[in-house]
Amino acid sequence: MLTFVMSAVTFGFLLLSLFFYKKLIGMSDALNIIEKQVAADMEIRAHRLCLLAYEAQRFGNSVDRRALDEEFKDFLHLYIEDYQAEVAKKIREHKLSEISAYGFIKLDK
């Protein structure tokens, strides 16, 4: 009888731990899917950034290179901000209540 009770309690703890594990992994998987979707949507901008960085490296130590470096930095900052904003928007749309902030964006409950 004692063995049966111990087995039942152990099985209960196992099921409870699996429930919480699945809940955490599910949240992580949902966030990964959202990030991949946004990255795919912003792929053209990412390629433009790569080309801009390549062009900046081709120039020597000139005024044109400094201008391209500044332009690259500006576009990179905008890209990161837009990426974070889009992911935060999709998190709100999918109502992932476990996530309270993404990047520098606080999500309203």
Protein backbone atom coordinates (compact mmCIF):
# COMPACT_ATOMS: atom_id res chain seq x y z
CA MET A 1 0.00 0.00 0.00
CA LEU A 2 2.81 2.41 0.93
CA THR A 3 4.54 1.63 -2.36
CA PHE A 4 1.37 2.47 -4.27
CA VAL A 5 0.99 5.82 -2.46
CA MET A 6 4.66 6.72 -3.05
CA SER A 7 4.32 5.77 -6.72
CA ALA A 8 1.17 7.89 -7.06
CA VAL A 9 2.83 10.89 -5.39
CA THR A 10 5.94 10.52 -7.57
CA PHE A 11 3.77 10.23 -10.67
CA GLY A 12 1.84 13.35 -9.61
CA PHE A 13 5.06 15.34 -9.19
CA LEU A 14 6.24 14.10 -12.57
CA LEU A 15 3.03 15.24 -14.27
CA LEU A 16 3.17 18.60 -12.51
CA SER A 17 6.79 19.18 -13.52
CA LEU A 18 5.99 18.20 -17.13
CA PHE A 19 3.11 20.68 -17.16
CA PHE A 20 5.33 23.58 -16.04
CA TYR A 21 8.14 22.51 -18.36
CA LYS A 22 5.77 22.43 -21.35
CA LYS A 23 4.39 25.83 -20.39
CA LEU A 24 7.88 27.36 -20.31
CA ILE A 25 9.02 25.64 -23.51
CA GLY A 26 5.79 26.58 -25.27
CA MET A 27 6.35 30.24 -24.45
CA SER A 28 9.93 30.04 -25.69
CA ASP A 29 8.88 28.28 -28.91
CA ALA A 30 6.18 30.88 -29.57
CA LEU A 31 8.69 33.70 -29.13
CA ASN A 32 11.21 31.96 -31.44
CA ILE A 33 8.54 31.55 -34.12
CA ILE A 34 7.56 35.23 -33.85
CA GLU A 35 11.21 36.34 -34.07
CA LYS A 36 11.79 34.18 -37.15
CA GLN A 37 8.67 35.57 -38.86
CA VAL A 38 9.74 39.16 -38.21
CA ALA A 39 13.31 38.43 -39.36
CA ALA A 40 11.95 36.94 -42.59
CA ASP A 41 9.73 39.98 -43.12
CA MET A 42 12.70 42.31 -42.61
CA GLU A 43 15.13 40.29 -44.73
CA ILE A 44 15.31 42.88 -47.52
CA ARG A 45 16.38 45.57 -45.04
CA ALA A 46 18.98 43.21 -43.59
CA HIS A 47 20.46 42.64 -47.07
CA ARG A 48 20.54 46.38 -47.64
CA LEU A 49 22.47 46.80 -44.39
CA CYS A 50 24.96 44.15 -45.48
CA LEU A 51 25.48 45.87 -48.83
CA LEU A 52 25.94 49.23 -47.12
CA ALA A 53 28.55 47.75 -44.78
CA TYR A 54 30.34 46.16 -47.74
CA GLU A 55 30.38 49.48 -49.62
CA ALA A 56 31.75 51.26 -46.56
CA GLN A 57 34.59 48.73 -46.27
CA ARG A 58 35.55 49.10 -49.93
CA PHE A 59 36.48 52.73 -49.48
CA GLY A 60 39.83 53.51 -47.94
CA ASN A 61 40.23 56.03 -45.19
CA SER A 62 38.19 58.75 -46.87
CA VAL A 63 35.35 61.15 -46.23
CA ASP A 64 33.03 58.89 -48.25
CA ARG A 65 33.77 55.98 -45.97
CA ARG A 66 32.99 58.02 -42.86
CA ALA A 67 29.71 59.15 -44.41
CA LEU A 68 28.80 55.56 -45.29
CA ASP A 69 29.77 54.42 -41.79
CA GLU A 70 27.44 57.01 -40.28
CA GLU A 71 24.66 56.04 -42.67
CA PHE A 72 25.19 52.37 -41.80
CA LYS A 73 25.01 53.10 -38.06
CA ASP A 74 21.80 55.08 -38.51
CA PHE A 75 20.17 52.34 -40.59
CA LEU A 76 21.34 49.68 -38.13
CA HIS A 77 19.81 51.49 -35.15
CA LEU A 78 16.54 51.96 -37.05
CA TYR A 79 16.53 48.31 -38.10
CA ILE A 80 17.01 47.11 -34.51
CA GLU A 81 14.32 49.45 -33.18
CA ASP A 82 11.86 48.41 -35.90
CA TYR A 83 12.63 44.73 -35.32
CA GLN A 84 12.00 45.01 -31.58
CA ALA A 85 8.82 47.02 -32.14
CA GLU A 86 7.48 44.49 -34.64
CA VAL A 87 8.23 41.53 -32.34
CA ALA A 88 6.57 43.36 -29.43
CA LYS A 89 3.52 44.06 -31.60
CA LYS A 90 3.23 40.38 -32.56
CA ILE A 91 3.64 39.32 -28.92
CA ARG A 92 0.68 41.56 -28.06
CA GLU A 93 -1.33 40.17 -30.99
CA HIS A 94 -0.70 36.59 -29.88
CA LYS A 95 -1.44 37.53 -26.25
CA LEU A 96 1.66 35.93 -24.73
CA SER A 97 0.97 37.18 -21.21
CA GLU A 98 4.08 35.53 -19.73
CA ILE A 99 6.33 38.06 -21.50
CA SER A 100 6.31 41.50 -19.88
CA ALA A 101 9.00 43.20 -22.00
CA TYR A 102 10.93 42.66 -25.22
CA GLY A 103 14.11 44.59 -25.90
CA PHE A 104 13.55 48.05 -24.50
CA ILE A 105 9.78 47.85 -25.01
CA LYS A 106 7.55 47.23 -22.01
CA LEU A 107 4.43 45.29 -22.93
CA ASP A 108 1.13 46.30 -21.38
CA LYS A 109 -0.83 43.58 -19.64
